[in-house]
Amino acid sequence: MAKHLDSWQKSLKEIWRGNVRIEFKYIGETGTSKRQVQLTSILKAPKGILYLQGYCSLRKEERRFRLSEIVSKIKNLETGKSIIAPDFVCSLGIDEDTAYDGAK
């Protein structure tokens, strides 16, 4: 399994790099939780799935969050603006087709 995970991680392509504080609700293995994340990158998997990556204040470590499992608007904690996940990704300069395909 570790070999499969390593192969998957190597297949991810970074499509955005920056530094934005955000907050959202996320469905994880243990249910829904509210997350505050220092977003540092957006990654794209080969099938077009997008992942937000950054430091999660709840888990106190670097984490990846699948865009399609974010169940609330994403709030930019610097501006206070809240928008749906694909539109948030577009606001960072990622094209609309990539953002909406990655949210499925």
C-alpha atoms as a PDB file:
ATOM      1  CA  MET A   1       0.000   0.000   0.000  1.00  0.00           C
ATOM      2  CA  ALA A   2       2.850   2.430   0.753  1.00  0.00           C
ATOM      3  CA  LYS A   3       4.146   1.913  -2.796  1.00  0.00           C
ATOM      4  CA  HIS A   4       0.694   2.752  -4.217  1.00  0.00           C
ATOM      5  CA  LEU A   5       0.502   5.897  -2.048  1.00  0.00           C
ATOM      6  CA  ASP A   6       3.992   6.979  -3.074  1.00  0.00           C
ATOM      7  CA  SER A   7       3.105   6.527  -6.751  1.00  0.00           C
ATOM      8  CA  TRP A   8      -0.125   8.531  -6.296  1.00  0.00           C
ATOM      9  CA  GLN A   9       1.697  11.377  -4.522  1.00  0.00           C
ATOM     10  CA  LYS A  10       4.266  11.573  -7.313  1.00  0.00           C
ATOM     11  CA  SER A  11       1.443  11.834  -9.872  1.00  0.00           C
ATOM     12  CA  LEU A  12       0.085  15.046  -8.329  1.00  0.00           C
ATOM     13  CA  LYS A  13       0.871  18.242 -10.216  1.00  0.00           C
ATOM     14  CA  GLU A  14       1.104  21.572  -8.429  1.00  0.00           C
ATOM     15  CA  ILE A  15      -1.051  24.099 -10.315  1.00  0.00           C
ATOM     16  CA  TRP A  16      -0.995  26.965  -7.782  1.00  0.00           C
ATOM     17  CA  ARG A  17       1.361  28.094  -5.041  1.00  0.00           C
ATOM     18  CA  GLY A  18       0.712  30.897  -2.596  1.00  0.00           C
ATOM     19  CA  ASN A  19      -0.233  31.675   0.973  1.00  0.00           C
ATOM     20  CA  VAL A  20      -3.870  32.257   1.968  1.00  0.00           C
ATOM     21  CA  ARG A  21      -5.649  31.627   5.288  1.00  0.00           C
ATOM     22  CA  ILE A  22      -8.984  29.890   4.692  1.00  0.00           C
ATOM     23  CA  GLU A  23     -11.787  28.164   6.601  1.00  0.00           C
ATOM     24  CA  PHE A  24     -14.296  25.535   5.465  1.00  0.00           C
ATOM     25  CA  LYS A  25     -16.287  22.460   6.511  1.00  0.00           C
ATOM     26  CA  TYR A  26     -14.892  19.170   5.277  1.00  0.00           C
ATOM     27  CA  ILE A  27     -16.149  15.584   5.174  1.00  0.00           C
ATOM     28  CA  GLY A  28     -13.354  13.315   6.376  1.00  0.00           C
ATOM     29  CA  GLU A  29     -13.104   9.752   7.623  1.00  0.00           C
ATOM     30  CA  THR A  30     -14.585  10.693  11.017  1.00  0.00           C
ATOM     31  CA  GLY A  31     -17.378  12.937   9.733  1.00  0.00           C
ATOM     32  CA  THR A  32     -17.709  16.651   9.095  1.00  0.00           C
ATOM     33  CA  SER A  33     -15.360  19.116  10.738  1.00  0.00           C
ATOM     34  CA  LYS A  34     -14.562  22.805  10.482  1.00  0.00           C
ATOM     35  CA  ARG A  35     -11.010  23.442   9.264  1.00  0.00           C
ATOM     36  CA  GLN A  36      -8.794  26.492   9.286  1.00  0.00           C
ATOM     37  CA  VAL A  37      -5.947  26.038   6.845  1.00  0.00           C
ATOM     38  CA  GLN A  38      -2.937  28.079   5.768  1.00  0.00           C
ATOM     39  CA  LEU A  39      -3.298  27.186   2.091  1.00  0.00           C
ATOM     40  CA  THR A  40       0.049  26.871   0.315  1.00  0.00           C
ATOM     41  CA  SER A  41      -0.758  24.959  -2.875  1.00  0.00           C
ATOM     42  CA  ILE A  42      -3.398  23.408  -5.071  1.00  0.00           C
ATOM     43  CA  LEU A  43      -2.617  20.018  -6.567  1.00  0.00           C
ATOM     44  CA  LYS A  44      -4.210  18.267  -9.528  1.00  0.00           C
ATOM     45  CA  ALA A  45      -4.425  14.472  -9.769  1.00  0.00           C
ATOM     46  CA  PRO A  46      -4.255  12.738 -13.189  1.00  0.00           C
ATOM     47  CA  LYS A  47      -8.057  12.318 -13.339  1.00  0.00           C
ATOM     48  CA  GLY A  48      -8.541  16.065 -12.767  1.00  0.00           C
ATOM     49  CA  ILE A  49      -9.378  15.883  -9.059  1.00  0.00           C
ATOM     50  CA  LEU A  50      -8.139  18.930  -7.154  1.00  0.00           C
ATOM     51  CA  TYR A  51      -6.649  18.992  -3.662  1.00  0.00           C
ATOM     52  CA  LEU A  52      -6.012  21.975  -1.421  1.00  0.00           C
ATOM     53  CA  GLN A  53      -2.803  21.577   0.562  1.00  0.00           C
ATOM     54  CA  GLY A  54      -1.677  23.506   3.591  1.00  0.00           C
ATOM     55  CA  TYR A  55      -1.174  23.589   7.337  1.00  0.00           C
ATOM     56  CA  CYS A  56      -4.361  22.525   9.182  1.00  0.00           C
ATOM     57  CA  SER A  57      -4.722  24.193  12.582  1.00  0.00           C
ATOM     58  CA  LEU A  58      -7.088  21.424  13.807  1.00  0.00           C
ATOM     59  CA  ARG A  59      -4.679  18.547  13.078  1.00  0.00           C
ATOM     60  CA  LYS A  60      -1.539  20.684  13.605  1.00  0.00           C
ATOM     61  CA  GLU A  61       0.117  19.341  10.461  1.00  0.00           C
ATOM     62  CA  GLU A  62       0.330  19.699   6.697  1.00  0.00           C
ATOM     63  CA  ARG A  63      -2.777  18.163   5.101  1.00  0.00           C
ATOM     64  CA  ARG A  64      -4.473  17.689   1.723  1.00  0.00           C
ATOM     65  CA  PHE A  65      -8.190  18.247   1.243  1.00  0.00           C
ATOM     66  CA  ARG A  66     -10.073  16.954  -1.779  1.00  0.00           C
ATOM     67  CA  LEU A  67     -12.015  19.876  -3.232  1.00  0.00           C
ATOM     68  CA  SER A  68     -15.137  17.769  -3.805  1.00  0.00           C
ATOM     69  CA  GLU A  69     -15.308  16.919  -0.075  1.00  0.00           C
ATOM     70  CA  ILE A  70     -15.526  20.541   1.043  1.00  0.00           C
ATOM     71  CA  VAL A  71     -19.180  20.938   2.029  1.00  0.00           C
ATOM     72  CA  SER A  72     -19.347  24.658   2.734  1.00  0.00           C
ATOM     73  CA  LYS A  73     -18.259  27.855   1.122  1.00  0.00           C
ATOM     74  CA  ILE A  74     -14.567  28.582   1.541  1.00  0.00           C
ATOM     75  CA  LYS A  75     -13.977  31.686   3.621  1.00  0.00           C
ATOM     76  CA  ASN A  76     -10.859  33.731   2.965  1.00  0.00           C
ATOM     77  CA  LEU A  77      -9.913  34.727   6.517  1.00  0.00           C
ATOM     78  CA  GLU A  78      -7.905  37.703   5.254  1.00  0.00           C
ATOM     79  CA  THR A  79     -10.770  39.313   3.314  1.00  0.00           C
ATOM     80  CA  GLY A  80     -13.762  37.743   5.076  1.00  0.00           C
ATOM     81  CA  LYS A  81     -15.244  36.771   1.693  1.00  0.00           C
ATOM     82  CA  SER A  82     -16.949  33.338   1.430  1.00  0.00           C
ATOM     83  CA  ILE A  83     -17.517  31.634  -1.927  1.00  0.00           C
ATOM     84  CA  ILE A  84     -18.200  28.129  -3.209  1.00  0.00           C
ATOM     85  CA  ALA A  85     -15.121  25.940  -3.608  1.00  0.00           C
ATOM     86  CA  PRO A  86     -14.784  25.990  -7.432  1.00  0.00           C
ATOM     87  CA  ASP A  87     -15.212  29.797  -7.514  1.00  0.00           C
ATOM     88  CA  PHE A  88     -12.604  30.137  -4.766  1.00  0.00           C
ATOM     89  CA  VAL A  89     -10.150  28.161  -6.893  1.00  0.00           C
ATOM     90  CA  CYS A  90     -10.983  30.401  -9.889  1.00  0.00           C
ATOM     91  CA  SER A  91     -10.345  33.477  -7.727  1.00  0.00           C
ATOM     92  CA  LEU A  92      -6.741  32.263  -7.403  1.00  0.00           C
ATOM     93  CA  GLY A  93      -6.296  32.337 -11.178  1.00  0.00           C
ATOM     94  CA  ILE A  94      -7.095  28.722 -12.056  1.00  0.00           C
ATOM     95  CA  ASP A  95      -9.268  28.346 -15.141  1.00  0.00           C
ATOM     96  CA  GLU A  96     -12.957  27.584 -14.687  1.00  0.00           C
ATOM     97  CA  ASP A  97     -12.924  24.194 -16.470  1.00  0.00           C
ATOM     98  CA  THR A  98     -10.132  22.913 -14.199  1.00  0.00           C
ATOM     99  CA  ALA A  99     -11.827  24.284 -11.085  1.00  0.00           C
ATOM    100  CA  TYR A 100     -15.268  22.812 -11.779  1.00  0.00           C
ATOM    101  CA  ASP A 101     -13.965  19.466 -13.093  1.00  0.00           C
ATOM    102  CA  GLY A 102     -11.762  19.174  -9.998  1.00  0.00           C
ATOM    103  CA  ALA A 103     -14.728  19.716  -7.704  1.00  0.00           C
ATOM    104  CA  LYS A 104     -16.610  16.628  -8.946  1.00  0.00           C
END
